[in-house]
PDB file of N, CA and C in Angstrom:
ATOM      1  N   UNK A   1      63.087  99.260 113.396  1.00  0.00           N
ATOM      2  CA  UNK A   1      61.767  99.293 112.817  1.00  0.00           C
ATOM      3  C   UNK A   1      60.977  98.093 113.342  1.00  0.00           C
ATOM      4  N   UNK A   2      59.806  98.358 113.743  1.00  0.00           N
ATOM      5  CA  UNK A   2      58.969  97.250 114.206  1.00  0.00           C
ATOM      6  C   UNK A   2      57.943  96.854 113.152  1.00  0.00           C
ATOM      7  N   UNK A   3      57.822  97.675 112.118  1.00  0.00           N
ATOM      8  CA  UNK A   3      56.943  97.342 111.002  1.00  0.00           C
ATOM      9  C   UNK A   3      57.410  98.142 109.787  1.00  0.00           C
ATOM     10  N   UNK A   4      56.774  97.916 108.671  1.00  0.00           N
ATOM     11  CA  UNK A   4      57.144  98.646 107.458  1.00  0.00           C
ATOM     12  C   UNK A   4      56.770 100.116 107.567  1.00  0.00           C
ATOM     13  N   UNK A   5      55.928 100.441 108.525  1.00  0.00           N
ATOM     14  CA  UNK A   5      55.443 101.816 108.603  1.00  0.00           C
ATOM     15  C   UNK A   5      55.907 102.590 109.827  1.00  0.00           C
ATOM     16  N   UNK A   6      56.656 101.960 110.743  1.00  0.00           N
ATOM     17  CA  UNK A   6      57.035 102.711 111.918  1.00  0.00           C
ATOM     18  C   UNK A   6      58.161 102.139 112.743  1.00  0.00           C
ATOM     19  N   UNK A   7      58.602 102.987 113.673  1.00  0.00           N
ATOM     20  CA  UNK A   7      59.663 102.641 114.621  1.00  0.00           C
ATOM     21  C   UNK A   7      59.076 102.581 116.021  1.00  0.00           C
ATOM     22  N   UNK A   8      59.616 101.646 116.805  1.00  0.00           N
ATOM     23  CA  UNK A   8      59.203 101.506 118.192  1.00  0.00           C
ATOM     24  C   UNK A   8      60.317 100.766 118.926  1.00  0.00           C
ATOM     25  N   UNK A   9      60.375 100.911 120.227  1.00  0.00           N
ATOM     26  CA  UNK A   9      61.366 100.190 121.024  1.00  0.00           C
ATOM     27  C   UNK A   9      61.163  98.691 120.805  1.00  0.00           C
ATOM     28  N   UNK A  10      62.209  98.003 120.364  1.00  0.00           N
ATOM     29  CA  UNK A  10      62.074  96.570 120.084  1.00  0.00           C
ATOM     30  C   UNK A  10      61.842  95.760 121.358  1.00  0.00           C
ATOM     31  N   UNK A  11      62.369  96.219 122.483  1.00  0.00           N
ATOM     32  CA  UNK A  11      62.133  95.502 123.745  1.00  0.00           C
ATOM     33  C   UNK A  11      60.666  95.564 124.144  1.00  0.00           C
ATOM     34  N   UNK A  12      60.047  96.687 123.912  1.00  0.00           N
ATOM     35  CA  UNK A  12      58.614  96.804 124.198  1.00  0.00           C
ATOM     36  C   UNK A  12      57.818  95.949 123.210  1.00  0.00           C
ATOM     37  N   UNK A  13      58.174  96.053 121.951  1.00  0.00           N
ATOM     38  CA  UNK A  13      57.450  95.359 120.891  1.00  0.00           C
ATOM     39  C   UNK A  13      57.576  93.839 121.011  1.00  0.00           C
ATOM     40  N   UNK A  14      58.755  93.348 121.411  1.00  0.00           N
ATOM     41  CA  UNK A  14      59.018  91.905 121.440  1.00  0.00           C
ATOM     42  C   UNK A  14      58.690  91.247 122.780  1.00  0.00           C
ATOM     43  N   UNK A  15      57.945  91.875 123.598  1.00  0.00           N
ATOM     44  CA  UNK A  15      57.583  91.189 124.837  1.00  0.00           C
ATOM     45  C   UNK A  15      57.386  92.096 126.010  1.00  0.00           C
ATOM     46  N   UNK A  16      57.256  93.357 125.769  1.00  0.00           N
ATOM     47  CA  UNK A  16      56.971  94.337 126.812  1.00  0.00           C
ATOM     48  C   UNK A  16      58.030  94.351 127.919  1.00  0.00           C
ATOM     49  N   UNK A  17      59.304  94.115 127.566  1.00  0.00           N
ATOM     50  CA  UNK A  17      60.388  94.200 128.540  1.00  0.00           C
ATOM     51  C   UNK A  17      60.726  95.656 128.826  1.00  0.00           C
ATOM     52  N   UNK A  18      60.132  96.548 128.055  1.00  0.00           N
ATOM     53  CA  UNK A  18      60.359  97.981 128.214  1.00  0.00           C
ATOM     54  C   UNK A  18      58.990  98.654 128.334  1.00  0.00           C
ATOM     55  N   UNK A  19      58.931  99.727 129.064  1.00  0.00           N
ATOM     56  CA  UNK A  19      57.656 100.434 129.231  1.00  0.00           C
ATOM     57  C   UNK A  19      57.459 101.532 128.180  1.00  0.00           C
ATOM     58  N   UNK A  20      58.436 101.719 127.311  1.00  0.00           N
ATOM     59  CA  UNK A  20      58.342 102.764 126.280  1.00  0.00           C
ATOM     60  C   UNK A  20      57.474 102.254 125.129  1.00  0.00           C
ATOM     61  N   UNK A  21      56.210 102.649 125.135  1.00  0.00           N
ATOM     62  CA  UNK A  21      55.294 102.164 124.112  1.00  0.00           C
ATOM     63  C   UNK A  21      55.098 103.150 122.955  1.00  0.00           C
ATOM     64  N   UNK A  22      55.956 104.138 122.865  1.00  0.00           N
ATOM     65  CA  UNK A  22      55.818 105.160 121.819  1.00  0.00           C
ATOM     66  C   UNK A  22      56.124 104.540 120.457  1.00  0.00           C
ATOM     67  N   UNK A  23      55.264 104.841 119.501  1.00  0.00           N
ATOM     68  CA  UNK A  23      55.425 104.383 118.113  1.00  0.00           C
ATOM     69  C   UNK A  23      55.520 105.625 117.246  1.00  0.00           C
ATOM     70  N   UNK A  24      56.466 105.640 116.305  1.00  0.00           N
ATOM     71  CA  UNK A  24      56.680 106.811 115.450  1.00  0.00           C
ATOM     72  C   UNK A  24      56.520 106.396 113.999  1.00  0.00           C
ATOM     73  N   UNK A  25      55.778 107.177 113.254  1.00  0.00           N
ATOM     74  CA  UNK A  25      55.562 106.926 111.841  1.00  0.00           C
ATOM     75  C   UNK A  25      56.885 107.035 111.086  1.00  0.00           C
ATOM     76  N   UNK A  26      57.200 106.011 110.321  1.00  0.00           N
ATOM     77  CA  UNK A  26      58.472 105.938 109.597  1.00  0.00           C
ATOM     78  C   UNK A  26      58.638 107.080 108.604  1.00  0.00           C
ATOM     79  N   UNK A  27      57.635 107.355 107.813  1.00  0.00           N
ATOM     80  CA  UNK A  27      57.732 108.404 106.780  1.00  0.00           C
ATOM     81  C   UNK A  27      57.980 109.762 107.424  1.00  0.00           C
ATOM     82  N   UNK A  28      57.244 110.062 108.480  1.00  0.00           N
ATOM     83  CA  UNK A  28      57.404 111.358 109.160  1.00  0.00           C
ATOM     84  C   UNK A  28      58.773 111.474 109.826  1.00  0.00           C
ATOM     85  N   UNK A  29      59.196 110.405 110.494  1.00  0.00           N
ATOM     86  CA  UNK A  29      60.495 110.428 111.180  1.00  0.00           C
ATOM     87  C   UNK A  29      61.640 110.587 110.180  1.00  0.00           C
ATOM     88  N   UNK A  30      61.626 109.801 109.127  1.00  0.00           N
ATOM     89  CA  UNK A  30      62.700 109.884 108.135  1.00  0.00           C
ATOM     90  C   UNK A  30      62.693 111.234 107.431  1.00  0.00           C
ATOM     91  N   UNK A  31      61.511 111.787 107.197  1.00  0.00           N
ATOM     92  CA  UNK A  31      61.432 113.112 106.576  1.00  0.00           C
ATOM     93  C   UNK A  31      62.037 114.168 107.486  1.00  0.00           C
ATOM     94  N   UNK A  32      61.780 114.061 108.800  1.00  0.00           N
ATOM     95  CA  UNK A  32      62.300 115.075 109.725  1.00  0.00           C
ATOM     96  C   UNK A  32      63.802 114.940 109.956  1.00  0.00           C
ATOM     97  N   UNK A  33      64.330 113.725 109.887  1.00  0.00           N
ATOM     98  CA  UNK A  33      65.768 113.526 110.111  1.00  0.00           C
ATOM     99  C   UNK A  33      66.553 113.596 108.802  1.00  0.00           C
ATOM    100  N   UNK A  34      66.124 112.862 107.803  1.00  0.00           N
ATOM    101  CA  UNK A  34      66.874 112.787 106.546  1.00  0.00           C
ATOM    102  C   UNK A  34      66.548 113.928 105.597  1.00  0.00           C
ATOM    103  N   UNK A  35      65.368 114.517 105.731  1.00  0.00           N
ATOM    104  CA  UNK A  35      64.972 115.611 104.842  1.00  0.00           C
ATOM    105  C   UNK A  35      65.975 116.746 104.803  1.00  0.00           C
ATOM    106  N   UNK A  36      66.362 117.304 105.963  1.00  0.00           N
ATOM    107  CA  UNK A  36      67.338 118.399 105.955  1.00  0.00           C
ATOM    108  C   UNK A  36      68.702 117.970 105.390  1.00  0.00           C
ATOM    109  N   UNK A  37      69.098 116.749 105.649  1.00  0.00           N
ATOM    110  CA  UNK A  37      70.381 116.264 105.118  1.00  0.00           C
ATOM    111  C   UNK A  37      70.319 116.205 103.599  1.00  0.00           C
ATOM    112  N   UNK A  38      69.258 115.624 103.062  1.00  0.00           N
ATOM    113  CA  UNK A  38      69.095 115.554 101.606  1.00  0.00           C
ATOM    114  C   UNK A  38      69.040 116.952 101.000  1.00  0.00           C
ATOM    115  N   UNK A  39      68.320 117.844 101.660  1.00  0.00           N
ATOM    116  CA  UNK A  39      68.195 119.215 101.154  1.00  0.00           C
ATOM    117  C   UNK A  39      69.566 119.887 101.087  1.00  0.00           C
ATOM    118  N   UNK A  40      70.374 119.733 102.143  1.00  0.00           N
ATOM    119  CA  UNK A  40      71.715 120.329 102.164  1.00  0.00           C
ATOM    120  C   UNK A  40      72.632 119.703 101.112  1.00  0.00           C
ATOM    121  N   UNK A  41      72.539 118.387 100.972  1.00  0.00           N
ATOM    122  CA  UNK A  41      73.394 117.717  99.992  1.00  0.00           C
ATOM    123  C   UNK A  41      73.090 118.162  98.573  1.00  0.00           C
ATOM    124  N   UNK A  42      71.847 118.506  98.315  1.00  0.00           N
ATOM    125  CA  UNK A  42      71.447 118.894  96.968  1.00  0.00           C
ATOM    126  C   UNK A  42      71.345 120.399  96.785  1.00  0.00           C
ATOM    127  N   UNK A  43      71.782 121.156  97.764  1.00  0.00           N
ATOM    128  CA  UNK A  43      71.773 122.615  97.639  1.00  0.00           C
ATOM    129  C   UNK A  43      72.644 123.018  96.453  1.00  0.00           C
ATOM    130  N   UNK A  44      72.176 123.954  95.624  1.00  0.00           N
ATOM    131  CA  UNK A  44      72.925 124.343  94.425  1.00  0.00           C
ATOM    132  C   UNK A  44      74.376 124.741  94.696  1.00  0.00           C
ATOM    133  N   UNK A  45      74.624 125.440  95.792  1.00  0.00           N
ATOM    134  CA  UNK A  45      76.005 125.855  96.097  1.00  0.00           C
ATOM    135  C   UNK A  45      76.885 124.637  96.351  1.00  0.00           C
ATOM    136  N   UNK A  46      76.338 123.671  97.088  1.00  0.00           N
ATOM    137  CA  UNK A  46      77.105 122.463  97.404  1.00  0.00           C
ATOM    138  C   UNK A  46      77.344 121.639  96.144  1.00  0.00           C
ATOM    139  N   UNK A  47      76.329 121.501  95.310  1.00  0.00           N
ATOM    140  CA  UNK A  47      76.468 120.740  94.071  1.00  0.00           C
ATOM    141  C   UNK A  47      77.508 121.395  93.168  1.00  0.00           C
ATOM    142  N   UNK A  48      77.483 122.720  93.086  1.00  0.00           N
ATOM    143  CA  UNK A  48      78.465 123.449  92.281  1.00  0.00           C
ATOM    144  C   UNK A  48      79.876 123.207  92.812  1.00  0.00           C
ATOM    145  N   UNK A  49      80.034 123.295  94.143  1.00  0.00           N
ATOM    146  CA  UNK A  49      81.362 123.077  94.743  1.00  0.00           C
ATOM    147  C   UNK A  49      81.842 121.647  94.508  1.00  0.00           C
ATOM    148  N   UNK A  50      80.942 120.658  94.683  1.00  0.00           N
ATOM    149  CA  UNK A  50      81.333 119.261  94.466  1.00  0.00           C
ATOM    150  C   UNK A  50      81.712 119.037  93.004  1.00  0.00           C
ATOM    151  N   UNK A  51      80.975 119.647  92.084  1.00  0.00           N
ATOM    152  CA  UNK A  51      81.294 119.494  90.656  1.00  0.00           C
ATOM    153  C   UNK A  51      82.670 120.074  90.358  1.00  0.00           C
ATOM    154  N   UNK A  52      82.985 121.237  90.937  1.00  0.00           N
ATOM    155  CA  UNK A  52      84.312 121.843  90.728  1.00  0.00           C
ATOM    156  C   UNK A  52      85.415 120.952  91.292  1.00  0.00           C
ATOM    157  N   UNK A  53      85.175 120.394  92.471  1.00  0.00           N
ATOM    158  CA  UNK A  53      86.173 119.510  93.071  1.00  0.00           C
ATOM    159  C   UNK A  53      86.379 118.256  92.227  1.00  0.00           C
ATOM    160  N   UNK A  54      85.295 117.701  91.700  1.00  0.00           N
ATOM    161  CA  UNK A  54      85.421 116.505  90.858  1.00  0.00           C
ATOM    162  C   UNK A  54      86.137 116.831  89.553  1.00  0.00           C
ATOM    163  N   UNK A  55      85.866 118.013  88.974  1.00  0.00           N
ATOM    164  CA  UNK A  55      86.551 118.421  87.748  1.00  0.00           C
ATOM    165  C   UNK A  55      88.040 118.603  88.003  1.00  0.00           C
ATOM    166  N   UNK A  56      88.388 119.210  89.124  1.00  0.00           N
ATOM    167  CA  UNK A  56      89.802 119.405  89.461  1.00  0.00           C
ATOM    168  C   UNK A  56      90.490 118.062  89.666  1.00  0.00           C
ATOM    169  N   UNK A  57      89.823 117.151  90.354  1.00  0.00           N
ATOM    170  CA  UNK A  57      90.388 115.816  90.573  1.00  0.00           C
ATOM    171  C   UNK A  57      90.578 115.096  89.231  1.00  0.00           C
ATOM    172  N   UNK A  58      89.574 115.170  88.366  1.00  0.00           N
ATOM    173  CA  UNK A  58      89.660 114.524  87.056  1.00  0.00           C
ATOM    174  C   UNK A  58      90.809 115.112  86.238  1.00  0.00           C
ATOM    175  N   UNK A  59      90.924 116.444  86.237  1.00  0.00           N
ATOM    176  CA  UNK A  59      92.007 117.101  85.488  1.00  0.00           C
ATOM    177  C   UNK A  59      93.372 116.653  86.005  1.00  0.00           C
ATOM    178  N   UNK A  60      93.503 116.541  87.324  1.00  0.00           N
ATOM    179  CA  UNK A  60      94.776 116.081  87.915  1.00  0.00           C
ATOM    180  C   UNK A  60      95.081 114.651  87.499  1.00  0.00           C
ATOM    181  N   UNK A  61      94.078 113.785  87.501  1.00  0.00           N
ATOM    182  CA  UNK A  61      94.276 112.386  87.087  1.00  0.00           C
ATOM    183  C   UNK A  61      94.696 112.314  85.622  1.00  0.00           C
ATOM    184  N   UNK A  62      94.071 113.142  84.772  1.00  0.00           N
ATOM    185  CA  UNK A  62      94.432 113.159  83.348  1.00  0.00           C
ATOM    186  C   UNK A  62      95.879 113.618  83.191  1.00  0.00           C
ATOM    187  N   UNK A  63      96.270 114.676  83.921  1.00  0.00           N
ATOM    188  CA  UNK A  63      97.666 115.152  83.858  1.00  0.00           C
ATOM    189  C   UNK A  63      98.625 114.062  84.306  1.00  0.00           C
ATOM    190  N   UNK A  64      98.282 113.374  85.377  1.00  0.00           N
ATOM    191  CA  UNK A  64      99.152 112.305  85.881  1.00  0.00           C
ATOM    192  C   UNK A  64      99.287 111.186  84.853  1.00  0.00           C
ATOM    193  N   UNK A  65      98.184 110.816  84.216  1.00  0.00           N
ATOM    194  CA  UNK A  65      98.241 109.750  83.209  1.00  0.00           C
ATOM    195  C   UNK A  65      99.049 110.196  81.994  1.00  0.00           C
ATOM    196  N   UNK A  66      98.903 111.460  81.592  1.00  0.00           N
ATOM    197  CA  UNK A  66      99.679 111.961  80.457  1.00  0.00           C
ATOM    198  C   UNK A  66     101.165 111.982  80.781  1.00  0.00           C
ATOM    199  N   UNK A  67     101.488 112.409  81.994  1.00  0.00           N
ATOM    200  CA  UNK A  67     102.889 112.415  82.421  1.00  0.00           C
ATOM    201  C   UNK A  67     103.443 110.994  82.416  1.00  0.00           C
ATOM    202  N   UNK A  68     102.686 110.081  82.973  1.00  0.00           N
ATOM    203  CA  UNK A  68     103.127 108.680  83.026  1.00  0.00           C
ATOM    204  C   UNK A  68     103.254 108.103  81.626  1.00  0.00           C
ATOM    205  N   UNK A  69     102.334 108.455  80.733  1.00  0.00           N
ATOM    206  CA  UNK A  69     102.383 107.937  79.367  1.00  0.00           C
ATOM    207  C   UNK A  69     103.635 108.427  78.643  1.00  0.00           C
ATOM    208  N   UNK A  70     104.086 109.645  78.951  1.00  0.00           N
ATOM    209  CA  UNK A  70     105.308 110.137  78.310  1.00  0.00           C
ATOM    210  C   UNK A  70     106.554 109.540  78.955  1.00  0.00           C
ATOM    211  N   UNK A  71     106.467 109.166  80.231  1.00  0.00           N
ATOM    212  CA  UNK A  71     107.611 108.581  80.922  1.00  0.00           C
ATOM    213  C   UNK A  71     107.836 107.124  80.528  1.00  0.00           C
ATOM    214  N   UNK A  72     106.764 106.402  80.248  1.00  0.00           N
ATOM    215  CA  UNK A  72     106.878 104.971  79.941  1.00  0.00           C
ATOM    216  C   UNK A  72     107.758 104.722  78.719  1.00  0.00           C
ATOM    217  N   UNK A  73     107.548 105.415  77.582  1.00  0.00           N
ATOM    218  CA  UNK A  73     108.431 105.157  76.437  1.00  0.00           C
ATOM    219  C   UNK A  73     109.902 105.445  76.747  1.00  0.00           C
ATOM    220  N   UNK A  74     110.152 106.500  77.532  1.00  0.00           N
ATOM    221  CA  UNK A  74     111.534 106.821  77.897  1.00  0.00           C
ATOM    222  C   UNK A  74     112.118 105.710  78.756  1.00  0.00           C
ATOM    223  N   UNK A  75     111.348 105.223  79.731  1.00  0.00           N
ATOM    224  CA  UNK A  75     111.813 104.133  80.585  1.00  0.00           C
ATOM    225  C   UNK A  75     112.048 102.873  79.757  1.00  0.00           C
ATOM    226  N   UNK A  76     111.159 102.614  78.815  1.00  0.00           N
ATOM    227  CA  UNK A  76     111.300 101.441  77.965  1.00  0.00           C
ATOM    228  C   UNK A  76     112.551 101.555  77.100  1.00  0.00           C
ATOM    229  N   UNK A  77     112.796 102.751  76.593  1.00  0.00           N
ATOM    230  CA  UNK A  77     114.005 102.964  75.783  1.00  0.00           C
ATOM    231  C   UNK A  77     115.260 102.749  76.630  1.00  0.00           C
ATOM    232  N   UNK A  78     115.252 103.265  77.852  1.00  0.00           N
ATOM    233  CA  UNK A  78     116.407 103.085  78.742  1.00  0.00           C
ATOM    234  C   UNK A  78     116.620 101.610  79.059  1.00  0.00           C
ATOM    235  N   UNK A  79     115.539 100.873  79.286  1.00  0.00           N
ATOM    236  CA  UNK A  79     115.658  99.438  79.562  1.00  0.00           C
ATOM    237  C   UNK A  79     116.186  98.691  78.335  1.00  0.00           C
ATOM    238  N   UNK A  80     115.720  99.078  77.157  1.00  0.00           N
ATOM    239  CA  UNK A  80     116.192  98.430  75.932  1.00  0.00           C
ATOM    240  C   UNK A  80     117.691  98.640  75.758  1.00  0.00           C
ATOM    241  N   UNK A  81     118.146  99.858  76.009  1.00  0.00           N
ATOM    242  CA  UNK A  81     119.582 100.151  75.915  1.00  0.00           C
ATOM    243  C   UNK A  81     120.346  99.345  76.956  1.00  0.00           C
ATOM    244  N   UNK A  82     119.813  99.283  78.171  1.00  0.00           N
ATOM    245  CA  UNK A  82     120.482  98.518  79.236  1.00  0.00           C
ATOM    246  C   UNK A  82     120.558  97.034  78.881  1.00  0.00           C
ATOM    247  N   UNK A  83     119.469  96.496  78.357  1.00  0.00           N
ATOM    248  CA  UNK A  83     119.452  95.079  77.965  1.00  0.00           C
ATOM    249  C   UNK A  83     120.501  94.818  76.898  1.00  0.00           C
ATOM    250  N   UNK A  84     120.594  95.689  75.920  1.00  0.00           N
ATOM    251  CA  UNK A  84     121.590  95.501  74.852  1.00  0.00           C
ATOM    252  C   UNK A  84     123.008  95.575  75.403  1.00  0.00           C
ATOM    253  N   UNK A  85     123.246  96.524  76.348  1.00  0.00           N
ATOM    254  CA  UNK A  85     124.578  96.620  76.975  1.00  0.00           C
ATOM    255  C   UNK A  85     124.909  95.338  77.729  1.00  0.00           C
ATOM    256  N   UNK A  86     123.945  94.801  78.475  1.00  0.00           N
ATOM    257  CA  UNK A  86     124.185  93.572  79.234  1.00  0.00           C
ATOM    258  C   UNK A  86     124.439  92.394  78.296  1.00  0.00           C
ATOM    259  N   UNK A  87     123.694  92.311  77.207  1.00  0.00           N
ATOM    260  CA  UNK A  87     123.920  91.224  76.243  1.00  0.00           C
ATOM    261  C   UNK A  87     125.312  91.319  75.620  1.00  0.00           C
ATOM    262  N   UNK A  88     125.717  92.541  75.310  1.00  0.00           N
ATOM    263  CA  UNK A  88     127.051  92.747  74.728  1.00  0.00           C
ATOM    264  C   UNK A  88     128.135  92.346  75.734  1.00  0.00           C
ATOM    265  N   UNK A  89     127.958  92.733  76.991  1.00  0.00           N
ATOM    266  CA  UNK A  89     128.934  92.353  78.018  1.00  0.00           C
ATOM    267  C   UNK A  89     128.966  90.839  78.203  1.00  0.00           C
ATOM    268  N   UNK A  90     127.794  90.207  78.075  1.00  0.00           N
ATOM    269  CA  UNK A  90     127.726  88.759  78.212  1.00  0.00           C
ATOM    270  C   UNK A  90     128.461  88.082  77.048  1.00  0.00           C
ATOM    271  N   UNK A  91     128.284  88.623  75.833  1.00  0.00           N
ATOM    272  CA  UNK A  91     128.967  88.048  74.664  1.00  0.00           C
ATOM    273  C   UNK A  91     130.482  88.212  74.754  1.00  0.00           C
ATOM    274  N   UNK A  92     130.921  89.404  75.139  1.00  0.00           N
ATOM    275  CA  UNK A  92     132.351  89.698  75.168  1.00  0.00           C
ATOM    276  C   UNK A  92     133.020  89.238  76.455  1.00  0.00           C
ATOM    277  N   UNK A  93     132.218  89.058  77.505  1.00  0.00           N
ATOM    278  CA  UNK A  93     132.786  88.729  78.812  1.00  0.00           C
ATOM    279  C   UNK A  93     133.100  90.002  79.571  1.00  0.00           C
ATOM    280  N   UNK A  94     133.120  89.891  80.865  1.00  0.00           N
ATOM    281  CA  UNK A  94     133.388  91.057  81.700  1.00  0.00           C
ATOM    282  C   UNK A  94     134.304  90.606  82.826  1.00  0.00           C
ATOM    283  N   UNK A  95     135.435  91.297  83.014  1.00  0.00           N
ATOM    284  CA  UNK A  95     136.382  90.866  84.042  1.00  0.00           C
ATOM    285  C   UNK A  95     135.871  91.092  85.469  1.00  0.00           C
ATOM    286  N   UNK A  96     134.905  91.982  85.645  1.00  0.00           N
ATOM    287  CA  UNK A  96     134.430  92.317  86.989  1.00  0.00           C
ATOM    288  C   UNK A  96     133.186  91.540  87.419  1.00  0.00           C
ATOM    289  N   UNK A  97     132.450  90.974  86.448  1.00  0.00           N
ATOM    290  CA  UNK A  97     131.188  90.292  86.763  1.00  0.00           C
ATOM    291  C   UNK A  97     131.177  88.934  86.081  1.00  0.00           C
ATOM    292  N   UNK A  98     130.720  87.923  86.825  1.00  0.00           N
ATOM    293  CA  UNK A  98     130.655  86.585  86.237  1.00  0.00           C
ATOM    294  C   UNK A  98     129.490  86.515  85.241  1.00  0.00           C
ATOM    295  N   UNK A  99     129.535  85.505  84.383  1.00  0.00           N
ATOM    296  CA  UNK A  99     128.476  85.313  83.390  1.00  0.00           C
ATOM    297  C   UNK A  99     127.128  85.090  84.075  1.00  0.00           C
ATOM    298  N   UNK A 100     127.131  84.358  85.187  1.00  0.00           N
ATOM    299  CA  UNK A 100     125.885  84.127  85.926  1.00  0.00           C
ATOM    300  C   UNK A 100     125.282  85.434  86.439  1.00  0.00           C
ATOM    301  N   UNK A 101     126.142  86.303  86.961  1.00  0.00           N
ATOM    302  CA  UNK A 101     125.660  87.594  87.457  1.00  0.00           C
ATOM    303  C   UNK A 101     125.098  88.439  86.319  1.00  0.00           C
ATOM    304  N   UNK A 102     125.775  88.421  85.184  1.00  0.00           N
ATOM    305  CA  UNK A 102     125.290  89.153  84.012  1.00  0.00           C
ATOM    306  C   UNK A 102     123.948  88.597  83.529  1.00  0.00           C
ATOM    307  N   UNK A 103     123.823  87.284  83.493  1.00  0.00           N
ATOM    308  CA  UNK A 103     122.565  86.673  83.062  1.00  0.00           C
ATOM    309  C   UNK A 103     121.432  87.030  84.017  1.00  0.00           C
ATOM    310  N   UNK A 104     121.715  87.068  85.314  1.00  0.00           N
ATOM    311  CA  UNK A 104     120.702  87.459  86.304  1.00  0.00           C
ATOM    312  C   UNK A 104     120.270  88.904  86.093  1.00  0.00           C
ATOM    313  N   UNK A 105     121.241  89.783  85.865  1.00  0.00           N
ATOM    314  CA  UNK A 105     120.909  91.187  85.619  1.00  0.00           C
ATOM    315  C   UNK A 105     120.109  91.340  84.342  1.00  0.00           C
ATOM    316  N   UNK A 106     120.482  90.570  83.334  1.00  0.00           N
ATOM    317  CA  UNK A 106     119.777  90.606  82.059  1.00  0.00           C
ATOM    318  C   UNK A 106     118.334  90.110  82.213  1.00  0.00           C
ATOM    319  N   UNK A 107     118.148  89.039  82.964  1.00  0.00           N
ATOM    320  CA  UNK A 107     116.792  88.522  83.203  1.00  0.00           C
ATOM    321  C   UNK A 107     115.918  89.552  83.929  1.00  0.00           C
ATOM    322  N   UNK A 108     116.480  90.222  84.941  1.00  0.00           N
ATOM    323  CA  UNK A 108     115.720  91.248  85.670  1.00  0.00           C
ATOM    324  C   UNK A 108     115.355  92.414  84.757  1.00  0.00           C
ATOM    325  N   UNK A 109     116.290  92.808  83.903  1.00  0.00           N
ATOM    326  CA  UNK A 109     116.012  93.922  82.985  1.00  0.00           C
ATOM    327  C   UNK A 109     114.940  93.538  81.981  1.00  0.00           C
ATOM    328  N   UNK A 110     114.979  92.316  81.478  1.00  0.00           N
ATOM    329  CA  UNK A 110     113.972  91.854  80.522  1.00  0.00           C
ATOM    330  C   UNK A 110     112.595  91.783  81.199  1.00  0.00           C
ATOM    331  N   UNK A 111     112.552  91.305  82.437  1.00  0.00           N
ATOM    332  CA  UNK A 111     111.280  91.237  83.174  1.00  0.00           C
ATOM    333  C   UNK A 111     110.696  92.639  83.401  1.00  0.00           C
ATOM    334  N   UNK A 112     111.559  93.604  83.656  1.00  0.00           N
ATOM    335  CA  UNK A 112     111.089  94.987  83.883  1.00  0.00           C
ATOM    336  C   UNK A 112     110.565  95.612  82.598  1.00  0.00           C
ATOM    337  N   UNK A 113     111.084  95.158  81.470  1.00  0.00           N
ATOM    338  CA  UNK A 113     110.639  95.728  80.186  1.00  0.00           C
ATOM    339  C   UNK A 113     109.325  95.082  79.860  1.00  0.00           C
TER     340      UNK A 113
END
């Protein structure tokens, strides 16, 4: 843009380094280029299709969140049971795992919960 109202070759405008002196009205040019794009984007068929796609995407996200919400309590319950088992093994001792290893496993399980 060489002004608020039009487009022109900047090389011509900034010192006549170009011989292209054509100036185009900004409003007319943008209407001819962007007008059809805006019209197509707002066509009722396209808007209807985009709305359906957004509804389907939203429904899928809601299903995913509901699935995850039901999985979290189960995972938390499993971690709680695991933590209690590790604490019990730590109290009683375990012939296969050292106390340090048990404490490390217990710390990781607590962090995950």
